[in-house]
Amino acid sequence: MAIRIRILSLVCAALVSTVLPVRAAEIVPDAIATAQAEVAKRCKTPIYGEDFSETIDFNNDSLPDVIVNLGAVNCDGTPGGLCGNVGCPYEFYIQVAEGGYFLAATADLYGYELKQRYGNMVLELKANAASCGRDDSDYCIMTIRVRGAQFDTISKK
C-alpha cells in the first residue's frame, strides 16, 4: 500500500510539473483599434456610436485607460446588435507604463458611471440583478475600485 501511494504521488508530481504556464495578457498598441477589429469579425458593416469608447484613468495610476462599449455599435443595421439579455458587453483596457494596453476585464452591463470617492476614481456599474444575487427586475449597482489591474468590489446594491 505504501508503494502505491509513493507511485501515485510521483505520478501526480509529474502531471503537475507538465502544466503549461498561464499566458500573460497580450499587450496591444491601440485598444480602440483592437476592439474595432474584433467587432469587424462579427459585423459586416459596423457603425460606431459616439459613446463607443472613453479614454480615462479608471485605475488611478495617472495613465489613460480605455473603456469600450460594444452596445454603441450598430451591427449590420441593428442598433445594439452585440447586446444580449443581460446588457451590453463592455471591455476595460488598462494602459501599461511601457506603452500599449491589455484587456483587463469584460462585463455585460446596462451602463456605468465614473465617480470620484476619497480622491480616487471608482466605477459604478449598472448590471443585471443576478450580479447581486437577486432575481428581481431592478438593476444591481456595483461600485468597483481598480488598483493596478485588480478590480475590487466595494459595494453591491
N, C-alpha and C. Protein backbone atom coordinates (compact mmCIF):
# COMPACT_ATOMS: atom_id res chain seq x y z
N MET A 1 0.83 -1.20 0.00
CA MET A 1 0.00 0.00 0.00
C MET A 1 0.87 1.26 0.00
N ALA A 2 1.94 1.27 0.78
CA ALA A 2 2.84 2.42 0.85
C ALA A 2 3.51 2.65 -0.50
N ILE A 3 3.82 1.57 -1.21
CA ILE A 3 4.46 1.70 -2.52
C ILE A 3 3.48 2.34 -3.51
N ARG A 4 2.21 1.93 -3.46
CA ARG A 4 1.21 2.51 -4.35
C ARG A 4 1.05 4.00 -4.10
N ILE A 5 1.05 4.40 -2.86
CA ILE A 5 0.91 5.83 -2.51
C ILE A 5 2.11 6.60 -3.04
N ARG A 6 3.33 6.03 -2.90
CA ARG A 6 4.53 6.72 -3.42
C ARG A 6 4.46 6.84 -4.94
N ILE A 7 4.05 5.80 -5.61
CA ILE A 7 3.96 5.83 -7.07
C ILE A 7 2.90 6.85 -7.49
N LEU A 8 1.77 6.85 -6.81
CA LEU A 8 0.72 7.81 -7.10
C LEU A 8 1.21 9.23 -6.89
N SER A 9 1.96 9.48 -5.82
CA SER A 9 2.46 10.83 -5.57
C SER A 9 3.47 11.25 -6.63
N LEU A 10 4.30 10.30 -7.13
CA LEU A 10 5.24 10.62 -8.20
C LEU A 10 4.50 10.94 -9.50
N VAL A 11 3.46 10.16 -9.80
CA VAL A 11 2.67 10.43 -11.00
C VAL A 11 2.00 11.79 -10.90
N CYS A 12 1.43 12.12 -9.75
CA CYS A 12 0.79 13.43 -9.55
C CYS A 12 1.81 14.55 -9.70
N ALA A 13 3.00 14.37 -9.14
CA ALA A 13 4.04 15.39 -9.25
C ALA A 13 4.44 15.59 -10.70
N ALA A 14 4.52 14.50 -11.47
CA ALA A 14 4.87 14.60 -12.89
C ALA A 14 3.78 15.35 -13.66
N LEU A 15 2.52 15.07 -13.35
CA LEU A 15 1.41 15.76 -14.03
C LEU A 15 1.41 17.24 -13.70
N VAL A 16 1.63 17.60 -12.45
CA VAL A 16 1.65 19.00 -12.04
C VAL A 16 2.79 19.74 -12.72
N SER A 17 3.93 19.09 -12.88
CA SER A 17 5.07 19.76 -13.49
C SER A 17 4.90 19.96 -14.99
N THR A 18 3.98 19.25 -15.63
CA THR A 18 3.77 19.41 -17.07
C THR A 18 2.69 20.42 -17.40
N VAL A 19 2.03 21.00 -16.42
CA VAL A 19 1.01 22.01 -16.68
C VAL A 19 1.68 23.23 -17.29
N LEU A 20 1.09 23.73 -18.37
CA LEU A 20 1.67 24.89 -19.04
C LEU A 20 1.47 26.14 -18.21
N PRO A 21 2.44 27.06 -18.25
CA PRO A 21 2.28 28.31 -17.50
C PRO A 21 1.16 29.16 -18.09
N VAL A 22 0.54 29.96 -17.24
CA VAL A 22 -0.54 30.85 -17.67
C VAL A 22 0.06 31.94 -18.54
N ARG A 23 -0.57 32.21 -19.68
CA ARG A 23 -0.08 33.26 -20.57
C ARG A 23 -0.39 34.63 -20.00
N ALA A 24 0.55 35.52 -20.19
CA ALA A 24 0.33 36.90 -19.78
C ALA A 24 -0.65 37.54 -20.76
N ALA A 25 -1.34 38.57 -20.30
CA ALA A 25 -2.28 39.28 -21.16
C ALA A 25 -1.51 39.90 -22.33
N GLU A 26 -2.10 39.85 -23.50
CA GLU A 26 -1.47 40.39 -24.69
C GLU A 26 -1.51 41.91 -24.65
N ILE A 27 -0.37 42.54 -24.91
CA ILE A 27 -0.29 43.99 -24.97
C ILE A 27 -0.57 44.41 -26.41
N VAL A 28 -1.52 45.33 -26.57
CA VAL A 28 -1.86 45.84 -27.90
C VAL A 28 -1.54 47.33 -27.94
N PRO A 29 -1.10 47.83 -29.09
CA PRO A 29 -0.72 49.25 -29.16
C PRO A 29 -1.89 50.22 -29.08
N ASP A 30 -3.07 49.80 -29.57
CA ASP A 30 -4.23 50.69 -29.62
C ASP A 30 -5.47 49.90 -29.21
N ALA A 31 -6.00 50.20 -28.05
CA ALA A 31 -7.16 49.45 -27.52
C ALA A 31 -8.39 49.64 -28.40
N ILE A 32 -8.63 50.84 -28.87
CA ILE A 32 -9.83 51.11 -29.66
C ILE A 32 -9.76 50.38 -31.00
N ALA A 33 -8.60 50.44 -31.66
CA ALA A 33 -8.43 49.73 -32.93
C ALA A 33 -8.57 48.23 -32.74
N THR A 34 -8.08 47.71 -31.62
CA THR A 34 -8.20 46.28 -31.33
C THR A 34 -9.66 45.89 -31.17
N ALA A 35 -10.42 46.69 -30.43
CA ALA A 35 -11.85 46.42 -30.24
C ALA A 35 -12.59 46.51 -31.57
N GLN A 36 -12.26 47.49 -32.38
CA GLN A 36 -12.91 47.63 -33.68
C GLN A 36 -12.59 46.45 -34.59
N ALA A 37 -11.37 45.94 -34.52
CA ALA A 37 -11.00 44.77 -35.33
C ALA A 37 -11.80 43.55 -34.91
N GLU A 38 -12.05 43.39 -33.61
CA GLU A 38 -12.87 42.27 -33.13
C GLU A 38 -14.32 42.43 -33.57
N VAL A 39 -14.83 43.66 -33.53
CA VAL A 39 -16.20 43.91 -33.98
C VAL A 39 -16.33 43.59 -35.47
N ALA A 40 -15.31 43.94 -36.25
CA ALA A 40 -15.34 43.71 -37.70
C ALA A 40 -15.44 42.22 -38.03
N LYS A 41 -15.01 41.36 -37.11
CA LYS A 41 -15.14 39.91 -37.32
C LYS A 41 -16.58 39.45 -37.14
N ARG A 42 -17.38 40.23 -36.39
CA ARG A 42 -18.76 39.85 -36.08
C ARG A 42 -19.79 40.61 -36.90
N CYS A 43 -19.43 41.78 -37.42
CA CYS A 43 -20.36 42.62 -38.16
C CYS A 43 -19.76 42.95 -39.53
N LYS A 44 -20.58 42.85 -40.57
CA LYS A 44 -20.10 43.18 -41.91
C LYS A 44 -19.97 44.68 -42.09
N THR A 45 -20.95 45.44 -41.57
CA THR A 45 -20.93 46.90 -41.70
C THR A 45 -21.18 47.55 -40.35
N PRO A 46 -20.17 47.58 -39.48
CA PRO A 46 -20.37 48.21 -38.17
C PRO A 46 -20.34 49.74 -38.28
N ILE A 47 -21.22 50.35 -37.49
CA ILE A 47 -21.22 51.80 -37.35
C ILE A 47 -21.04 52.07 -35.86
N TYR A 48 -20.01 52.85 -35.53
CA TYR A 48 -19.66 53.09 -34.14
C TYR A 48 -20.29 54.39 -33.64
N GLY A 49 -21.04 54.30 -32.55
CA GLY A 49 -21.65 55.47 -31.94
C GLY A 49 -20.62 56.31 -31.20
N GLU A 50 -21.04 57.52 -30.83
CA GLU A 50 -20.16 58.44 -30.11
C GLU A 50 -19.67 57.87 -28.79
N ASP A 51 -20.49 57.06 -28.13
CA ASP A 51 -20.10 56.52 -26.83
C ASP A 51 -19.47 55.13 -26.94
N PHE A 52 -18.87 54.83 -28.09
CA PHE A 52 -18.21 53.54 -28.29
C PHE A 52 -17.02 53.39 -27.35
N SER A 53 -16.29 54.47 -27.12
CA SER A 53 -15.12 54.36 -26.24
C SER A 53 -14.94 55.62 -25.41
N GLU A 54 -14.33 55.43 -24.28
CA GLU A 54 -13.98 56.54 -23.39
C GLU A 54 -12.56 56.31 -22.91
N THR A 55 -11.75 57.35 -23.00
CA THR A 55 -10.37 57.28 -22.52
C THR A 55 -10.30 58.05 -21.22
N ILE A 56 -9.99 57.33 -20.14
CA ILE A 56 -9.94 57.93 -18.80
C ILE A 56 -9.12 57.04 -17.89
N ASP A 57 -8.47 57.62 -16.92
CA ASP A 57 -7.67 56.86 -15.95
C ASP A 57 -8.61 56.30 -14.88
N PHE A 58 -9.09 55.07 -15.08
CA PHE A 58 -10.00 54.49 -14.09
C PHE A 58 -9.29 53.66 -13.03
N ASN A 59 -7.98 53.41 -13.19
CA ASN A 59 -7.28 52.64 -12.16
C ASN A 59 -6.32 53.49 -11.34
N ASN A 60 -6.42 54.80 -11.48
CA ASN A 60 -5.73 55.75 -10.61
C ASN A 60 -4.20 55.64 -10.66
N ASP A 61 -3.64 55.37 -11.86
CA ASP A 61 -2.18 55.30 -11.97
C ASP A 61 -1.61 56.41 -12.84
N SER A 62 -2.44 57.41 -13.17
CA SER A 62 -2.07 58.57 -13.98
C SER A 62 -1.84 58.25 -15.45
N LEU A 63 -2.19 57.05 -15.91
CA LEU A 63 -2.11 56.69 -17.32
C LEU A 63 -3.53 56.54 -17.86
N PRO A 64 -3.82 57.08 -19.04
CA PRO A 64 -5.18 56.98 -19.56
C PRO A 64 -5.52 55.55 -19.98
N ASP A 65 -6.62 55.04 -19.48
CA ASP A 65 -7.12 53.71 -19.80
C ASP A 65 -8.29 53.88 -20.76
N VAL A 66 -8.82 52.77 -21.27
CA VAL A 66 -9.90 52.84 -22.25
C VAL A 66 -11.03 51.90 -21.84
N ILE A 67 -12.26 52.42 -21.92
CA ILE A 67 -13.46 51.60 -21.73
C ILE A 67 -14.19 51.57 -23.06
N VAL A 68 -14.47 50.36 -23.55
CA VAL A 68 -15.15 50.18 -24.84
C VAL A 68 -16.55 49.66 -24.57
N ASN A 69 -17.54 50.33 -25.16
CA ASN A 69 -18.95 49.96 -25.03
C ASN A 69 -19.39 49.33 -26.35
N LEU A 70 -19.46 48.01 -26.41
CA LEU A 70 -19.87 47.33 -27.64
C LEU A 70 -21.36 47.51 -27.93
N GLY A 71 -22.10 48.01 -26.96
CA GLY A 71 -23.51 48.32 -27.18
C GLY A 71 -23.71 49.54 -28.06
N ALA A 72 -22.66 50.32 -28.26
CA ALA A 72 -22.74 51.52 -29.09
C ALA A 72 -22.48 51.21 -30.56
N VAL A 73 -22.42 49.92 -30.90
CA VAL A 73 -22.18 49.51 -32.28
C VAL A 73 -23.51 49.18 -32.95
N ASN A 74 -23.72 49.79 -34.10
CA ASN A 74 -24.84 49.40 -34.96
C ASN A 74 -24.26 48.31 -35.85
N CYS A 75 -24.66 47.08 -35.60
CA CYS A 75 -24.10 45.91 -36.28
C CYS A 75 -25.03 45.49 -37.41
N ASP A 76 -24.60 45.74 -38.64
CA ASP A 76 -25.36 45.34 -39.83
C ASP A 76 -26.79 45.87 -39.80
N GLY A 77 -26.94 47.11 -39.37
CA GLY A 77 -28.26 47.75 -39.35
C GLY A 77 -29.04 47.56 -38.07
N THR A 78 -28.48 46.84 -37.11
CA THR A 78 -29.18 46.60 -35.84
C THR A 78 -28.48 47.37 -34.72
N PRO A 79 -29.12 48.45 -34.23
CA PRO A 79 -28.52 49.18 -33.11
C PRO A 79 -28.40 48.26 -31.89
N GLY A 80 -27.24 48.28 -31.25
CA GLY A 80 -27.03 47.42 -30.08
C GLY A 80 -27.03 45.94 -30.44
N GLY A 81 -26.68 45.62 -31.66
CA GLY A 81 -26.73 44.24 -32.14
C GLY A 81 -25.81 43.27 -31.43
N LEU A 82 -24.85 43.80 -30.66
CA LEU A 82 -23.93 42.93 -29.92
C LEU A 82 -24.37 42.72 -28.47
N CYS A 83 -25.51 43.31 -28.10
CA CYS A 83 -26.02 43.20 -26.73
C CYS A 83 -26.83 41.92 -26.56
N GLY A 84 -27.00 41.53 -25.32
CA GLY A 84 -27.78 40.34 -25.01
C GLY A 84 -28.86 40.62 -23.98
N ASN A 85 -29.36 39.57 -23.35
CA ASN A 85 -30.44 39.68 -22.35
C ASN A 85 -30.01 40.41 -21.09
N VAL A 86 -28.73 40.37 -20.77
CA VAL A 86 -28.25 40.93 -19.50
C VAL A 86 -27.38 42.16 -19.72
N GLY A 87 -27.63 42.88 -20.79
CA GLY A 87 -26.90 44.10 -21.04
C GLY A 87 -26.00 44.00 -22.25
N CYS A 88 -25.11 44.97 -22.35
CA CYS A 88 -24.19 45.04 -23.48
C CYS A 88 -22.76 44.80 -23.01
N PRO A 89 -21.94 44.20 -23.85
CA PRO A 89 -20.56 43.94 -23.45
C PRO A 89 -19.74 45.22 -23.36
N TYR A 90 -19.02 45.34 -22.26
CA TYR A 90 -18.06 46.43 -22.06
C TYR A 90 -16.70 45.80 -21.86
N GLU A 91 -15.67 46.44 -22.41
CA GLU A 91 -14.30 45.97 -22.26
C GLU A 91 -13.49 47.05 -21.57
N PHE A 92 -12.68 46.65 -20.60
CA PHE A 92 -11.87 47.58 -19.82
C PHE A 92 -10.39 47.31 -20.11
N TYR A 93 -9.77 48.24 -20.81
CA TYR A 93 -8.35 48.13 -21.18
C TYR A 93 -7.54 49.03 -20.25
N ILE A 94 -6.44 48.49 -19.75
CA ILE A 94 -5.55 49.25 -18.88
C ILE A 94 -4.25 49.52 -19.64
N GLN A 95 -3.81 50.78 -19.59
CA GLN A 95 -2.55 51.13 -20.24
C GLN A 95 -1.39 50.78 -19.33
N VAL A 96 -0.30 50.28 -19.92
CA VAL A 96 0.90 49.95 -19.17
C VAL A 96 1.94 51.04 -19.40
N ALA A 97 2.82 51.22 -18.42
CA ALA A 97 3.81 52.29 -18.47
C ALA A 97 4.73 52.17 -19.68
N GLU A 98 5.01 50.95 -20.11
CA GLU A 98 5.91 50.73 -21.25
C GLU A 98 5.25 51.09 -22.58
N GLY A 99 3.97 51.32 -22.57
CA GLY A 99 3.22 51.63 -23.79
C GLY A 99 2.31 50.49 -24.17
N GLY A 100 1.16 50.80 -24.68
CA GLY A 100 0.19 49.79 -25.07
C GLY A 100 -0.83 49.54 -23.98
N TYR A 101 -1.76 48.63 -24.30
CA TYR A 101 -2.87 48.32 -23.41
C TYR A 101 -3.06 46.81 -23.32
N PHE A 102 -3.70 46.38 -22.25
CA PHE A 102 -4.14 44.98 -22.18
C PHE A 102 -5.59 44.96 -21.72
N LEU A 103 -6.32 43.95 -22.20
CA LEU A 103 -7.71 43.78 -21.82
C LEU A 103 -7.74 43.20 -20.42
N ALA A 104 -8.20 44.02 -19.45
CA ALA A 104 -8.18 43.61 -18.05
C ALA A 104 -9.48 42.96 -17.61
N ALA A 105 -10.60 43.36 -18.21
CA ALA A 105 -11.89 42.81 -17.80
C ALA A 105 -12.94 43.06 -18.87
N THR A 106 -13.95 42.21 -18.88
CA THR A 106 -15.13 42.39 -19.71
C THR A 106 -16.35 42.15 -18.82
N ALA A 107 -17.44 42.81 -19.14
CA ALA A 107 -18.66 42.63 -18.36
C ALA A 107 -19.87 43.01 -19.20
N ASP A 108 -20.97 42.30 -19.01
CA ASP A 108 -22.24 42.67 -19.62
C ASP A 108 -22.93 43.64 -18.67
N LEU A 109 -23.14 44.86 -19.14
CA LEU A 109 -23.66 45.93 -18.29
C LEU A 109 -24.77 46.69 -19.01
N TYR A 110 -25.54 47.44 -18.21
CA TYR A 110 -26.52 48.37 -18.74
C TYR A 110 -25.95 49.78 -18.77
N GLY A 111 -24.75 49.95 -18.27
CA GLY A 111 -24.10 51.24 -18.26
C GLY A 111 -23.15 51.35 -17.08
N TYR A 112 -22.46 52.47 -17.00
CA TYR A 112 -21.53 52.71 -15.89
C TYR A 112 -21.38 54.22 -15.71
N GLU A 113 -20.88 54.57 -14.55
CA GLU A 113 -20.50 55.95 -14.26
C GLU A 113 -19.17 55.92 -13.56
N LEU A 114 -18.34 56.89 -13.85
CA LEU A 114 -17.09 57.07 -13.12
C LEU A 114 -17.31 58.14 -12.08
N LYS A 115 -16.95 57.83 -10.85
CA LYS A 115 -17.15 58.78 -9.76
C LYS A 115 -15.86 58.90 -8.96
N GLN A 116 -15.69 60.06 -8.36
CA GLN A 116 -14.53 60.26 -7.50
C GLN A 116 -14.96 60.04 -6.05
N ARG A 117 -14.26 59.14 -5.38
CA ARG A 117 -14.53 58.86 -3.97
C ARG A 117 -13.21 58.89 -3.21
N TYR A 118 -13.14 59.73 -2.21
CA TYR A 118 -11.95 59.84 -1.37
C TYR A 118 -10.69 60.05 -2.21
N GLY A 119 -10.81 60.86 -3.26
CA GLY A 119 -9.67 61.20 -4.09
C GLY A 119 -9.34 60.19 -5.18
N ASN A 120 -10.07 59.10 -5.27
CA ASN A 120 -9.80 58.08 -6.28
C ASN A 120 -11.03 57.87 -7.16
N MET A 121 -10.77 57.48 -8.40
CA MET A 121 -11.86 57.15 -9.32
C MET A 121 -12.37 55.75 -8.98
N VAL A 122 -13.68 55.59 -9.03
CA VAL A 122 -14.31 54.28 -8.89
C VAL A 122 -15.31 54.12 -10.03
N LEU A 123 -15.58 52.89 -10.39
CA LEU A 123 -16.57 52.57 -11.41
C LEU A 123 -17.86 52.18 -10.71
N GLU A 124 -18.95 52.79 -11.11
CA GLU A 124 -20.26 52.40 -10.61
C GLU A 124 -20.96 51.71 -11.78
N LEU A 125 -21.04 50.39 -11.71
CA LEU A 125 -21.55 49.58 -12.81
C LEU A 125 -23.02 49.26 -12.61
N LYS A 126 -23.81 49.40 -13.67
CA LYS A 126 -25.23 49.04 -13.63
C LYS A 126 -25.35 47.69 -14.33
N ALA A 127 -25.65 46.65 -13.54
CA ALA A 127 -25.66 45.29 -14.05
C ALA A 127 -27.00 44.62 -13.78
N ASN A 128 -27.15 43.40 -14.27
CA ASN A 128 -28.32 42.58 -14.05
C ASN A 128 -28.45 42.26 -12.56
N ALA A 129 -29.66 42.13 -12.06
CA ALA A 129 -29.90 41.86 -10.64
C ALA A 129 -29.19 40.59 -10.17
N ALA A 130 -28.99 39.63 -11.06
CA ALA A 130 -28.31 38.39 -10.68
C ALA A 130 -26.88 38.65 -10.22
N SER A 131 -26.28 39.74 -10.67
CA SER A 131 -24.93 40.09 -10.23
C SER A 131 -24.87 40.39 -8.74
N CYS A 132 -26.02 40.74 -8.17
CA CYS A 132 -26.11 40.99 -6.73
C CYS A 132 -26.80 39.84 -6.00
N GLY A 133 -26.98 38.73 -6.70
CA GLY A 133 -27.61 37.56 -6.07
C GLY A 133 -29.12 37.68 -5.94
N ARG A 134 -29.73 38.54 -6.77
CA ARG A 134 -31.18 38.74 -6.71
C ARG A 134 -31.82 38.24 -8.00
N ASP A 135 -33.14 38.06 -7.97
CA ASP A 135 -33.85 37.66 -9.18
C ASP A 135 -34.98 38.64 -9.52
N ASP A 136 -34.90 39.87 -9.00
CA ASP A 136 -35.92 40.86 -9.31
C ASP A 136 -35.58 41.60 -10.61
N SER A 137 -36.37 42.61 -10.94
CA SER A 137 -36.16 43.33 -12.20
C SER A 137 -35.35 44.61 -12.04
N ASP A 138 -34.96 44.96 -10.81
CA ASP A 138 -34.15 46.16 -10.59
C ASP A 138 -32.70 45.89 -10.98
N TYR A 139 -31.99 46.97 -11.28
CA TYR A 139 -30.58 46.85 -11.60
C TYR A 139 -29.76 46.59 -10.35
N CYS A 140 -28.66 45.95 -10.52
CA CYS A 140 -27.65 45.81 -9.47
C CYS A 140 -26.63 46.91 -9.71
N ILE A 141 -26.37 47.72 -8.70
CA ILE A 141 -25.36 48.76 -8.81
C ILE A 141 -24.14 48.29 -8.02
N MET A 142 -23.05 48.06 -8.75
CA MET A 142 -21.81 47.61 -8.11
C MET A 142 -20.78 48.73 -8.18
N THR A 143 -20.17 49.03 -7.06
CA THR A 143 -19.10 50.02 -7.02
C THR A 143 -17.78 49.25 -7.00
N ILE A 144 -16.91 49.56 -7.96
CA ILE A 144 -15.67 48.84 -8.16
C ILE A 144 -14.50 49.81 -8.10
N ARG A 145 -13.48 49.46 -7.34
CA ARG A 145 -12.23 50.23 -7.32
C ARG A 145 -11.19 49.40 -8.05
N VAL A 146 -10.40 50.06 -8.89
CA VAL A 146 -9.36 49.36 -9.64
C VAL A 146 -8.01 49.90 -9.20
N ARG A 147 -7.15 49.01 -8.76
CA ARG A 147 -5.77 49.33 -8.38
C ARG A 147 -4.85 48.48 -9.23
N GLY A 148 -4.02 49.10 -10.04
CA GLY A 148 -3.21 48.32 -10.97
C GLY A 148 -4.15 47.63 -11.93
N ALA A 149 -4.18 46.30 -11.89
CA ALA A 149 -5.11 45.52 -12.72
C ALA A 149 -6.11 44.75 -11.87
N GLN A 150 -6.17 45.05 -10.59
CA GLN A 150 -7.06 44.36 -9.64
C GLN A 150 -8.38 45.11 -9.51
N PHE A 151 -9.48 44.44 -9.86
CA PHE A 151 -10.82 45.01 -9.73
C PHE A 151 -11.41 44.52 -8.41
N ASP A 152 -11.66 45.45 -7.47
CA ASP A 152 -12.20 45.11 -6.16
C ASP A 152 -13.59 45.67 -6.00
N THR A 153 -14.54 44.80 -5.64
CA THR A 153 -15.91 45.25 -5.41
C THR A 153 -16.00 45.89 -4.04
N ILE A 154 -16.41 47.15 -4.00
CA ILE A 154 -16.56 47.87 -2.74
C ILE A 154 -17.97 47.65 -2.19
N SER A 155 -18.96 47.71 -3.09
CA SER A 155 -20.34 47.52 -2.62
C SER A 155 -21.22 47.02 -3.76
N LYS A 156 -22.33 46.40 -3.36
CA LYS A 156 -23.36 45.97 -4.29
C LYS A 156 -24.70 46.37 -3.71
N LYS A 157 -25.55 46.97 -4.53
CA LYS A 157 -26.89 47.38 -4.07
C LYS A 157 -27.93 46.74 -4.97
